[in-house]
Amino acid sequence: QQPAYAAFRDAFAAALGALRMGSPLDPATQVGPLARVDLRDHLAA
């Protein structure tokens, strides 16, 4: 909703950017790789 949009966007962007991306076998990892390179390439496109 418009009155909350800017605050939500900024907080959401900061939280997404702070996620730890790494090996799925590392207990500290929050975001691993996608399942296949072709799926990643399709998403990037």
All heavy atoms as atom14 arrays in JSON, in Angstrom:
{
  "sequence": "QQPAYAAFRDAFAAALGALRMGSPLDPATQVGPLARVDLRDHLAA",
  "atom14_mask": [
    [1, 1, 1, 1, 1, 1, 1, 1, 1, 0, 0, 0, 0, 0],
    [1, 1, 1, 1, 1, 1, 1, 1, 1, 0, 0, 0, 0, 0],
    [1, 1, 1, 1, 1, 1, 1, 0, 0, 0, 0, 0, 0, 0],
    [1, 1, 1, 1, 1, 0, 0, 0, 0, 0, 0, 0, 0, 0],
    [1, 1, 1, 1, 1, 1, 1, 1, 1, 1, 1, 1, 0, 0],
    [1, 1, 1, 1, 1, 0, 0, 0, 0, 0, 0, 0, 0, 0],
    [1, 1, 1, 1, 1, 0, 0, 0, 0, 0, 0, 0, 0, 0],
    [1, 1, 1, 1, 1, 1, 1, 1, 1, 1, 1, 0, 0, 0],
    [1, 1, 1, 1, 1, 1, 1, 1, 1, 1, 1, 0, 0, 0],
    [1, 1, 1, 1, 1, 1, 1, 1, 0, 0, 0, 0, 0, 0],
    [1, 1, 1, 1, 1, 0, 0, 0, 0, 0, 0, 0, 0, 0],
    [1, 1, 1, 1, 1, 1, 1, 1, 1, 1, 1, 0, 0, 0],
    [1, 1, 1, 1, 1, 0, 0, 0, 0, 0, 0, 0, 0, 0],
    [1, 1, 1, 1, 1, 0, 0, 0, 0, 0, 0, 0, 0, 0],
    [1, 1, 1, 1, 1, 0, 0, 0, 0, 0, 0, 0, 0, 0],
    [1, 1, 1, 1, 1, 1, 1, 1, 0, 0, 0, 0, 0, 0],
    [1, 1, 1, 1, 0, 0, 0, 0, 0, 0, 0, 0, 0, 0],
    [1, 1, 1, 1, 1, 0, 0, 0, 0, 0, 0, 0, 0, 0],
    [1, 1, 1, 1, 1, 1, 1, 1, 0, 0, 0, 0, 0, 0],
    [1, 1, 1, 1, 1, 1, 1, 1, 1, 1, 1, 0, 0, 0],
    [1, 1, 1, 1, 1, 1, 1, 1, 0, 0, 0, 0, 0, 0],
    [1, 1, 1, 1, 0, 0, 0, 0, 0, 0, 0, 0, 0, 0],
    [1, 1, 1, 1, 1, 1, 0, 0, 0, 0, 0, 0, 0, 0],
    [1, 1, 1, 1, 1, 1, 1, 0, 0, 0, 0, 0, 0, 0],
    [1, 1, 1, 1, 1, 1, 1, 1, 0, 0, 0, 0, 0, 0],
    [1, 1, 1, 1, 1, 1, 1, 1, 0, 0, 0, 0, 0, 0],
    [1, 1, 1, 1, 1, 1, 1, 0, 0, 0, 0, 0, 0, 0],
    [1, 1, 1, 1, 1, 0, 0, 0, 0, 0, 0, 0, 0, 0],
    [1, 1, 1, 1, 1, 1, 1, 0, 0, 0, 0, 0, 0, 0],
    [1, 1, 1, 1, 1, 1, 1, 1, 1, 0, 0, 0, 0, 0],
    [1, 1, 1, 1, 1, 1, 1, 0, 0, 0, 0, 0, 0, 0],
    [1, 1, 1, 1, 0, 0, 0, 0, 0, 0, 0, 0, 0, 0],
    [1, 1, 1, 1, 1, 1, 1, 0, 0, 0, 0, 0, 0, 0],
    [1, 1, 1, 1, 1, 1, 1, 1, 0, 0, 0, 0, 0, 0],
    [1, 1, 1, 1, 1, 0, 0, 0, 0, 0, 0, 0, 0, 0],
    [1, 1, 1, 1, 1, 1, 1, 1, 1, 1, 1, 0, 0, 0],
    [1, 1, 1, 1, 1, 1, 1, 0, 0, 0, 0, 0, 0, 0],
    [1, 1, 1, 1, 1, 1, 1, 1, 0, 0, 0, 0, 0, 0],
    [1, 1, 1, 1, 1, 1, 1, 1, 0, 0, 0, 0, 0, 0],
    [1, 1, 1, 1, 1, 1, 1, 1, 1, 1, 1, 0, 0, 0],
    [1, 1, 1, 1, 1, 1, 1, 1, 0, 0, 0, 0, 0, 0],
    [1, 1, 1, 1, 1, 1, 1, 1, 1, 1, 0, 0, 0, 0],
    [1, 1, 1, 1, 1, 1, 1, 1, 0, 0, 0, 0, 0, 0],
    [1, 1, 1, 1, 1, 0, 0, 0, 0, 0, 0, 0, 0, 0],
    [1, 1, 1, 1, 1, 0, 0, 0, 0, 0, 0, 0, 0, 0]
  ],
  "atom14_positions": [
    [[0.83, -1.19, 0.0], [0.0, 0.0, 0.0], [0.88, 1.26, 0.0], [1.91, 1.3, 0.66], [-0.94, -0.02, 1.2], [-2.08, 0.97, 1.07], [-3.15, 0.74, 2.12], [-2.87, 0.23, 3.21], [-4.39, 1.15, 1.82], [0.0, 0.0, 0.0], [0.0, 0.0, 0.0], [0.0, 0.0, 0.0], [0.0, 0.0, 0.0], [0.0, 0.0, 0.0]],
    [[0.46, 2.26, -0.72], [1.29, 3.42, -1.01], [1.95, 4.07, 0.23], [3.15, 4.35, 0.19], [0.46, 4.46, -1.79], [1.28, 5.58, -2.42], [1.62, 6.67, -1.41], [0.82, 6.95, -0.51], [2.79, 7.28, -1.56], [0.0, 0.0, 0.0], [0.0, 0.0, 0.0], [0.0, 0.0, 0.0], [0.0, 0.0, 0.0], [0.0, 0.0, 0.0]],
    [[1.24, 4.29, 1.36], [1.92, 4.96, 2.48], [3.11, 4.17, 3.03], [4.02, 4.76, 3.62], [0.8, 5.08, 3.52], [-0.46, 5.07, 2.73], [-0.21, 4.13, 1.61], [0.0, 0.0, 0.0], [0.0, 0.0, 0.0], [0.0, 0.0, 0.0], [0.0, 0.0, 0.0], [0.0, 0.0, 0.0], [0.0, 0.0, 0.0], [0.0, 0.0, 0.0]],
    [[3.13, 2.85, 2.85], [4.21, 2.03, 3.4], [5.23, 1.62, 2.34], [6.22, 0.95, 2.67], [3.62, 0.77, 4.05], [0.0, 0.0, 0.0], [0.0, 0.0, 0.0], [0.0, 0.0, 0.0], [0.0, 0.0, 0.0], [0.0, 0.0, 0.0], [0.0, 0.0, 0.0], [0.0, 0.0, 0.0], [0.0, 0.0, 0.0], [0.0, 0.0, 0.0]],
    [[4.99, 2.03, 1.08], [5.79, 1.48, -0.02], [7.28, 1.77, 0.13], [8.12, 0.85, 0.08], [5.28, 2.02, -1.36], [6.04, 1.48, -2.55], [5.66, 0.29, -3.14], [7.15, 2.16, -3.07], [6.36, -0.22, -4.23], [7.86, 1.65, -4.15], [7.45, 0.46, -4.73], [8.15, -0.05, -5.79], [0.0, 0.0, 0.0], [0.0, 0.0, 0.0]],
    [[7.66, 3.01, 0.31], [9.08, 3.37, 0.32], [9.81, 2.7, 1.49], [10.93, 2.17, 1.32], [9.24, 4.88, 0.39], [0.0, 0.0, 0.0], [0.0, 0.0, 0.0], [0.0, 0.0, 0.0], [0.0, 0.0, 0.0], [0.0, 0.0, 0.0], [0.0, 0.0, 0.0], [0.0, 0.0, 0.0], [0.0, 0.0, 0.0], [0.0, 0.0, 0.0]],
    [[9.2, 2.7, 2.66], [9.85, 2.1, 3.83], [10.0, 0.59, 3.64], [11.04, 0.01, 3.98], [9.04, 2.4, 5.09], [0.0, 0.0, 0.0], [0.0, 0.0, 0.0], [0.0, 0.0, 0.0], [0.0, 0.0, 0.0], [0.0, 0.0, 0.0], [0.0, 0.0, 0.0], [0.0, 0.0, 0.0], [0.0, 0.0, 0.0], [0.0, 0.0, 0.0]],
    [[8.96, -0.04, 3.1], [9.03, -1.48, 2.86], [10.11, -1.79, 1.82], [10.92, -2.7, 2.01], [7.68, -2.01, 2.39], [7.68, -3.5, 2.11], [7.34, -4.4, 3.12], [8.04, -4.01, 0.87], [7.35, -5.77, 2.88], [8.06, -5.37, 0.63], [7.7, -6.25, 1.63], [0.0, 0.0, 0.0], [0.0, 0.0, 0.0], [0.0, 0.0, 0.0]],
    [[10.13, -1.05, 0.72], [11.13, -1.28, -0.33], [12.54, -1.19, 0.22], [13.37, -2.08, -0.03], [10.96, -0.25, -1.45], [12.01, -0.37, -2.57], [12.02, 0.88, -3.4], [12.35, 2.05, -2.58], [11.97, 3.29, -2.86], [11.26, 3.55, -3.93], [12.32, 4.3, -2.05], [0.0, 0.0, 0.0], [0.0, 0.0, 0.0], [0.0, 0.0, 0.0]],
    [[12.83, -0.16, 0.97], [14.19, 0.04, 1.47], [14.58, -1.06, 2.45], [15.7, -1.6, 2.4], [14.32, 1.41, 2.12], [14.13, 2.55, 1.13], [14.18, 2.29, -0.1], [13.92, 3.7, 1.57], [0.0, 0.0, 0.0], [0.0, 0.0, 0.0], [0.0, 0.0, 0.0], [0.0, 0.0, 0.0], [0.0, 0.0, 0.0], [0.0, 0.0, 0.0]],
    [[13.67, -1.43, 3.35], [13.98, -2.47, 4.33], [14.09, -3.84, 3.66], [14.97, -4.65, 4.0], [12.91, -2.5, 5.42], [0.0, 0.0, 0.0], [0.0, 0.0, 0.0], [0.0, 0.0, 0.0], [0.0, 0.0, 0.0], [0.0, 0.0, 0.0], [0.0, 0.0, 0.0], [0.0, 0.0, 0.0], [0.0, 0.0, 0.0], [0.0, 0.0, 0.0]],
    [[13.22, -4.11, 2.7], [13.24, -5.38, 1.98], [14.53, -5.52, 1.16], [15.19, -6.56, 1.18], [12.01, -5.45, 1.07], [11.71, -6.8, 0.48], [12.18, -7.97, 1.05], [10.94, -6.89, -0.67], [11.87, -9.21, 0.5], [10.63, -8.12, -1.24], [11.1, -9.28, -0.65], [0.0, 0.0, 0.0], [0.0, 0.0, 0.0], [0.0, 0.0, 0.0]],
    [[14.91, -4.45, 0.48], [16.14, -4.48, -0.32], [17.36, -4.72, 0.57], [18.25, -5.5, 0.23], [16.29, -3.18, -1.09], [0.0, 0.0, 0.0], [0.0, 0.0, 0.0], [0.0, 0.0, 0.0], [0.0, 0.0, 0.0], [0.0, 0.0, 0.0], [0.0, 0.0, 0.0], [0.0, 0.0, 0.0], [0.0, 0.0, 0.0], [0.0, 0.0, 0.0]],
    [[17.4, -4.06, 1.72], [18.53, -4.23, 2.63], [18.6, -5.67, 3.14], [19.69, -6.26, 3.24], [18.43, -3.25, 3.79], [0.0, 0.0, 0.0], [0.0, 0.0, 0.0], [0.0, 0.0, 0.0], [0.0, 0.0, 0.0], [0.0, 0.0, 0.0], [0.0, 0.0, 0.0], [0.0, 0.0, 0.0], [0.0, 0.0, 0.0], [0.0, 0.0, 0.0]],
    [[17.45, -6.23, 3.47], [17.42, -7.6, 4.0], [17.82, -8.61, 2.93], [18.55, -9.57, 3.2], [16.04, -7.92, 4.55], [0.0, 0.0, 0.0], [0.0, 0.0, 0.0], [0.0, 0.0, 0.0], [0.0, 0.0, 0.0], [0.0, 0.0, 0.0], [0.0, 0.0, 0.0], [0.0, 0.0, 0.0], [0.0, 0.0, 0.0], [0.0, 0.0, 0.0]],
    [[17.35, -8.41, 1.69], [17.74, -9.31, 0.61], [19.24, -9.23, 0.34], [19.91, -10.24, 0.15], [16.96, -8.97, -0.67], [15.47, -9.3, -0.67], [14.82, -8.75, -1.93], [15.24, -10.81, -0.58], [0.0, 0.0, 0.0], [0.0, 0.0, 0.0], [0.0, 0.0, 0.0], [0.0, 0.0, 0.0], [0.0, 0.0, 0.0], [0.0, 0.0, 0.0]],
    [[19.76, -8.01, 0.33], [21.18, -7.82, 0.06], [22.07, -8.39, 1.14], [23.24, -8.7, 0.88], [0.0, 0.0, 0.0], [0.0, 0.0, 0.0], [0.0, 0.0, 0.0], [0.0, 0.0, 0.0], [0.0, 0.0, 0.0], [0.0, 0.0, 0.0], [0.0, 0.0, 0.0], [0.0, 0.0, 0.0], [0.0, 0.0, 0.0], [0.0, 0.0, 0.0]],
    [[21.54, -8.56, 2.35], [22.34, -9.06, 3.46], [22.35, -10.58, 3.56], [23.09, -11.14, 4.37], [21.82, -8.47, 4.78], [0.0, 0.0, 0.0], [0.0, 0.0, 0.0], [0.0, 0.0, 0.0], [0.0, 0.0, 0.0], [0.0, 0.0, 0.0], [0.0, 0.0, 0.0], [0.0, 0.0, 0.0], [0.0, 0.0, 0.0], [0.0, 0.0, 0.0]],
    [[21.53, -11.26, 2.75], [21.48, -12.72, 2.82], [22.83, -13.32, 2.42], [23.47, -12.87, 1.47], [20.38, -13.26, 1.91], [18.95, -12.99, 2.36], [17.96, -13.45, 1.3], [18.64, -13.67, 3.69], [0.0, 0.0, 0.0], [0.0, 0.0, 0.0], [0.0, 0.0, 0.0], [0.0, 0.0, 0.0], [0.0, 0.0, 0.0], [0.0, 0.0, 0.0]],
    [[23.22, -14.37, 3.12], [24.49, -15.03, 2.84], [24.3, -16.08, 1.76], [23.54, -17.05, 1.95], [25.05, -15.67, 4.1], [26.37, -16.39, 3.86], [26.92, -16.98, 5.15], [28.1, -17.77, 4.88], [29.25, -17.65, 5.51], [29.39, -16.75, 6.44], [30.28, -18.44, 5.23], [0.0, 0.0, 0.0], [0.0, 0.0, 0.0], [0.0, 0.0, 0.0]],
    [[24.97, -15.91, 0.63], [24.91, -16.86, -0.46], [26.19, -17.69, -0.45], [27.3, -17.15, -0.37], [24.77, -16.12, -1.8], [24.47, -17.02, -2.98], [23.91, -16.11, -4.45], [25.38, -15.16, -4.85], [0.0, 0.0, 0.0], [0.0, 0.0, 0.0], [0.0, 0.0, 0.0], [0.0, 0.0, 0.0], [0.0, 0.0, 0.0], [0.0, 0.0, 0.0]],
    [[26.05, -19.02, -0.5], [27.23, -19.85, -0.44], [26.9, -21.32, -0.6], [25.79, -21.69, -1.01], [0.0, 0.0, 0.0], [0.0, 0.0, 0.0], [0.0, 0.0, 0.0], [0.0, 0.0, 0.0], [0.0, 0.0, 0.0], [0.0, 0.0, 0.0], [0.0, 0.0, 0.0], [0.0, 0.0, 0.0], [0.0, 0.0, 0.0], [0.0, 0.0, 0.0]],
    [[27.85, -22.16, -0.27], [27.69, -23.61, -0.42], [26.49, -24.09, 0.37], [26.33, -23.74, 1.55], [28.94, -24.33, 0.07], [28.68, -25.72, 0.21], [0.0, 0.0, 0.0], [0.0, 0.0, 0.0], [0.0, 0.0, 0.0], [0.0, 0.0, 0.0], [0.0, 0.0, 0.0], [0.0, 0.0, 0.0], [0.0, 0.0, 0.0], [0.0, 0.0, 0.0]],
    [[25.65, -24.92, -0.22], [24.5, -25.43, 0.53], [24.9, -26.33, 1.69], [24.09, -26.59, 2.58], [23.7, -26.2, -0.53], [24.68, -26.5, -1.62], [25.65, -25.37, -1.62], [0.0, 0.0, 0.0], [0.0, 0.0, 0.0], [0.0, 0.0, 0.0], [0.0, 0.0, 0.0], [0.0, 0.0, 0.0], [0.0, 0.0, 0.0], [0.0, 0.0, 0.0]],
    [[26.14, -26.81, 1.71], [26.61, -27.64, 2.81], [27.13, -26.83, 3.99], [27.41, -27.39, 5.05], [27.71, -28.59, 2.31], [27.25, -29.61, 1.26], [28.44, -30.41, 0.75], [26.2, -30.55, 1.84], [0.0, 0.0, 0.0], [0.0, 0.0, 0.0], [0.0, 0.0, 0.0], [0.0, 0.0, 0.0], [0.0, 0.0, 0.0], [0.0, 0.0, 0.0]],
    [[27.25, -25.53, 3.83], [27.69, -24.64, 4.91], [26.46, -24.27, 5.75], [25.51, -23.68, 5.23], [28.33, -23.39, 4.31], [28.88, -22.44, 5.37], [28.53, -22.59, 6.56], [29.64, -21.53, 5.0], [0.0, 0.0, 0.0], [0.0, 0.0, 0.0], [0.0, 0.0, 0.0], [0.0, 0.0, 0.0], [0.0, 0.0, 0.0], [0.0, 0.0, 0.0]],
    [[26.46, -24.59, 7.04], [25.29, -24.27, 7.87], [24.94, -22.79, 7.9], [23.78, -22.44, 8.19], [25.7, -24.77, 9.26], [26.75, -25.79, 9.02], [27.49, -25.31, 7.81], [0.0, 0.0, 0.0], [0.0, 0.0, 0.0], [0.0, 0.0, 0.0], [0.0, 0.0, 0.0], [0.0, 0.0, 0.0], [0.0, 0.0, 0.0], [0.0, 0.0, 0.0]],
    [[25.87, -21.91, 7.59], [25.59, -20.47, 7.61], [24.93, -19.98, 6.33], [24.46, -18.84, 6.28], [26.89, -19.69, 7.85], [0.0, 0.0, 0.0], [0.0, 0.0, 0.0], [0.0, 0.0, 0.0], [0.0, 0.0, 0.0], [0.0, 0.0, 0.0], [0.0, 0.0, 0.0], [0.0, 0.0, 0.0], [0.0, 0.0, 0.0], [0.0, 0.0, 0.0]],
    [[24.88, -20.8, 5.31], [24.31, -20.38, 4.03], [22.81, -20.2, 4.13], [22.1, -21.05, 4.67], [24.65, -21.41, 2.93], [26.05, -21.35, 2.66], [23.89, -21.12, 1.65], [0.0, 0.0, 0.0], [0.0, 0.0, 0.0], [0.0, 0.0, 0.0], [0.0, 0.0, 0.0], [0.0, 0.0, 0.0], [0.0, 0.0, 0.0], [0.0, 0.0, 0.0]],
    [[22.34, -19.09, 3.58], [20.89, -18.83, 3.52], [20.34, -19.0, 2.12], [19.17, -19.34, 1.95], [20.62, -17.4, 4.03], [20.96, -17.2, 5.49], [20.97, -15.74, 5.89], [21.79, -14.95, 5.44], [20.03, -15.36, 6.76], [0.0, 0.0, 0.0], [0.0, 0.0, 0.0], [0.0, 0.0, 0.0], [0.0, 0.0, 0.0], [0.0, 0.0, 0.0]],
    [[21.15, -18.74, 1.11], [20.73, -18.9, -0.28], [21.83, -19.68, -1.01], [22.98, -19.24, -1.06], [20.51, -17.53, -0.97], [20.14, -17.73, -2.44], [19.44, -16.74, -0.25], [0.0, 0.0, 0.0], [0.0, 0.0, 0.0], [0.0, 0.0, 0.0], [0.0, 0.0, 0.0], [0.0, 0.0, 0.0], [0.0, 0.0, 0.0], [0.0, 0.0, 0.0]],
    [[21.47, -20.82, -1.55], [22.42, -21.62, -2.32], [22.33, -21.29, -3.79], [21.66, -20.34, -4.21], [0.0, 0.0, 0.0], [0.0, 0.0, 0.0], [0.0, 0.0, 0.0], [0.0, 0.0, 0.0], [0.0, 0.0, 0.0], [0.0, 0.0, 0.0], [0.0, 0.0, 0.0], [0.0, 0.0, 0.0], [0.0, 0.0, 0.0], [0.0, 0.0, 0.0]],
    [[22.98, -22.08, -4.62], [22.86, -21.89, -6.07], [21.49, -22.34, -6.55], [20.76, -23.04, -5.83], [23.96, -22.81, -6.62], [24.03, -23.92, -5.62], [23.81, -23.25, -4.28], [0.0, 0.0, 0.0], [0.0, 0.0, 0.0], [0.0, 0.0, 0.0], [0.0, 0.0, 0.0], [0.0, 0.0, 0.0], [0.0, 0.0, 0.0], [0.0, 0.0, 0.0]],
    [[21.12, -21.95, -7.75], [19.94, -22.54, -8.36], [20.28, -23.98, -8.76], [21.44, -24.4, -8.74], [19.49, -21.72, -9.56], [19.07, -20.28, -9.27], [18.32, -19.69, -10.46], [18.24, -20.15, -8.02], [0.0, 0.0, 0.0], [0.0, 0.0, 0.0], [0.0, 0.0, 0.0], [0.0, 0.0, 0.0], [0.0, 0.0, 0.0], [0.0, 0.0, 0.0]],
    [[19.26, -24.73, -9.14], [19.47, -26.17, -9.34], [20.32, -26.49, -10.56], [21.07, -27.46, -10.55], [18.11, -26.87, -9.46], [0.0, 0.0, 0.0], [0.0, 0.0, 0.0], [0.0, 0.0, 0.0], [0.0, 0.0, 0.0], [0.0, 0.0, 0.0], [0.0, 0.0, 0.0], [0.0, 0.0, 0.0], [0.0, 0.0, 0.0], [0.0, 0.0, 0.0]],
    [[20.21, -25.68, -11.61], [20.96, -25.96, -12.85], [21.33, -24.65, -13.5], [20.64, -23.63, -13.35], [20.12, -26.78, -13.84], [19.63, -28.12, -13.33], [19.12, -29.0, -14.47], [18.21, -28.35, -15.36], [16.88, -28.42, -15.3], [16.3, -29.11, -14.33], [16.11, -27.79, -16.17], [0.0, 0.0, 0.0], [0.0, 0.0, 0.0], [0.0, 0.0, 0.0]],
    [[22.4, -24.68, -14.28], [22.86, -23.47, -14.96], [21.82, -22.98, -15.97], [21.6, -21.76, -16.11], [24.22, -23.72, -15.64], [24.6, -22.55, -16.55], [25.3, -23.94, -14.58], [0.0, 0.0, 0.0], [0.0, 0.0, 0.0], [0.0, 0.0, 0.0], [0.0, 0.0, 0.0], [0.0, 0.0, 0.0], [0.0, 0.0, 0.0], [0.0, 0.0, 0.0]],
    [[21.17, -23.9, -16.68], [20.18, -23.45, -17.66], [19.01, -22.75, -16.99], [18.45, -21.78, -17.54], [19.69, -24.63, -18.51], [18.96, -25.69, -17.7], [19.53, -26.16, -16.69], [17.81, -26.03, -18.05], [0.0, 0.0, 0.0], [0.0, 0.0, 0.0], [0.0, 0.0, 0.0], [0.0, 0.0, 0.0], [0.0, 0.0, 0.0], [0.0, 0.0, 0.0]],
    [[18.63, -23.18, -15.79], [17.55, -22.51, -15.06], [18.01, -21.12, -14.61], [17.24, -20.15, -14.67], [17.14, -23.35, -13.85], [16.57, -24.74, -14.16], [16.38, -25.53, -12.87], [15.25, -24.63, -14.92], [0.0, 0.0, 0.0], [0.0, 0.0, 0.0], [0.0, 0.0, 0.0], [0.0, 0.0, 0.0], [0.0, 0.0, 0.0], [0.0, 0.0, 0.0]],
    [[19.25, -21.01, -14.16], [19.79, -19.71, -13.78], [19.84, -18.78, -14.97], [19.46, -17.59, -14.87], [21.19, -19.9, -13.2], [21.84, -18.65, -12.57], [22.5, -17.71, -13.57], [23.42, -18.36, -14.46], [24.69, -18.64, -14.18], [25.21, -18.33, -13.03], [25.46, -19.23, -15.11], [0.0, 0.0, 0.0], [0.0, 0.0, 0.0], [0.0, 0.0, 0.0]],
    [[20.27, -19.29, -16.11], [20.36, -18.45, -17.31], [18.98, -17.96, -17.75], [18.83, -16.81, -18.2], [21.05, -19.2, -18.44], [22.53, -19.45, -18.17], [23.08, -18.81, -17.25], [23.13, -20.27, -18.88], [0.0, 0.0, 0.0], [0.0, 0.0, 0.0], [0.0, 0.0, 0.0], [0.0, 0.0, 0.0], [0.0, 0.0, 0.0], [0.0, 0.0, 0.0]],
    [[17.97, -18.8, -17.62], [16.61, -18.39, -17.99], [16.12, -17.29, -17.06], [15.54, -16.29, -17.51], [15.67, -19.59, -17.93], [14.25, -19.26, -18.23], [13.81, -18.82, -19.46], [13.14, -19.27, -17.43], [12.52, -18.59, -19.43], [12.08, -18.85, -18.21], [0.0, 0.0, 0.0], [0.0, 0.0, 0.0], [0.0, 0.0, 0.0], [0.0, 0.0, 0.0]],
    [[16.37, -17.44, -15.76], [15.96, -16.41, -14.8], [16.68, -15.1, -15.09], [16.06, -14.02, -15.09], [16.26, -16.89, -13.38], [15.91, -15.92, -12.26], [14.4, -15.72, -12.17], [16.46, -16.42, -10.92], [0.0, 0.0, 0.0], [0.0, 0.0, 0.0], [0.0, 0.0, 0.0], [0.0, 0.0, 0.0], [0.0, 0.0, 0.0], [0.0, 0.0, 0.0]],
    [[17.99, -15.18, -15.35], [18.76, -13.96, -15.65], [18.23, -13.27, -16.9], [18.15, -12.04, -16.96], [20.23, -14.31, -15.81], [0.0, 0.0, 0.0], [0.0, 0.0, 0.0], [0.0, 0.0, 0.0], [0.0, 0.0, 0.0], [0.0, 0.0, 0.0], [0.0, 0.0, 0.0], [0.0, 0.0, 0.0], [0.0, 0.0, 0.0], [0.0, 0.0, 0.0]],
    [[17.85, -14.06, -17.91], [17.31, -13.47, -19.13], [15.97, -12.79, -18.87], [15.68, -11.71, -19.44], [17.14, -14.56, -20.2], [0.0, 0.0, 0.0], [0.0, 0.0, 0.0], [0.0, 0.0, 0.0], [0.0, 0.0, 0.0], [0.0, 0.0, 0.0], [0.0, 0.0, 0.0], [0.0, 0.0, 0.0], [0.0, 0.0, 0.0], [0.0, 0.0, 0.0]]
  ]
}
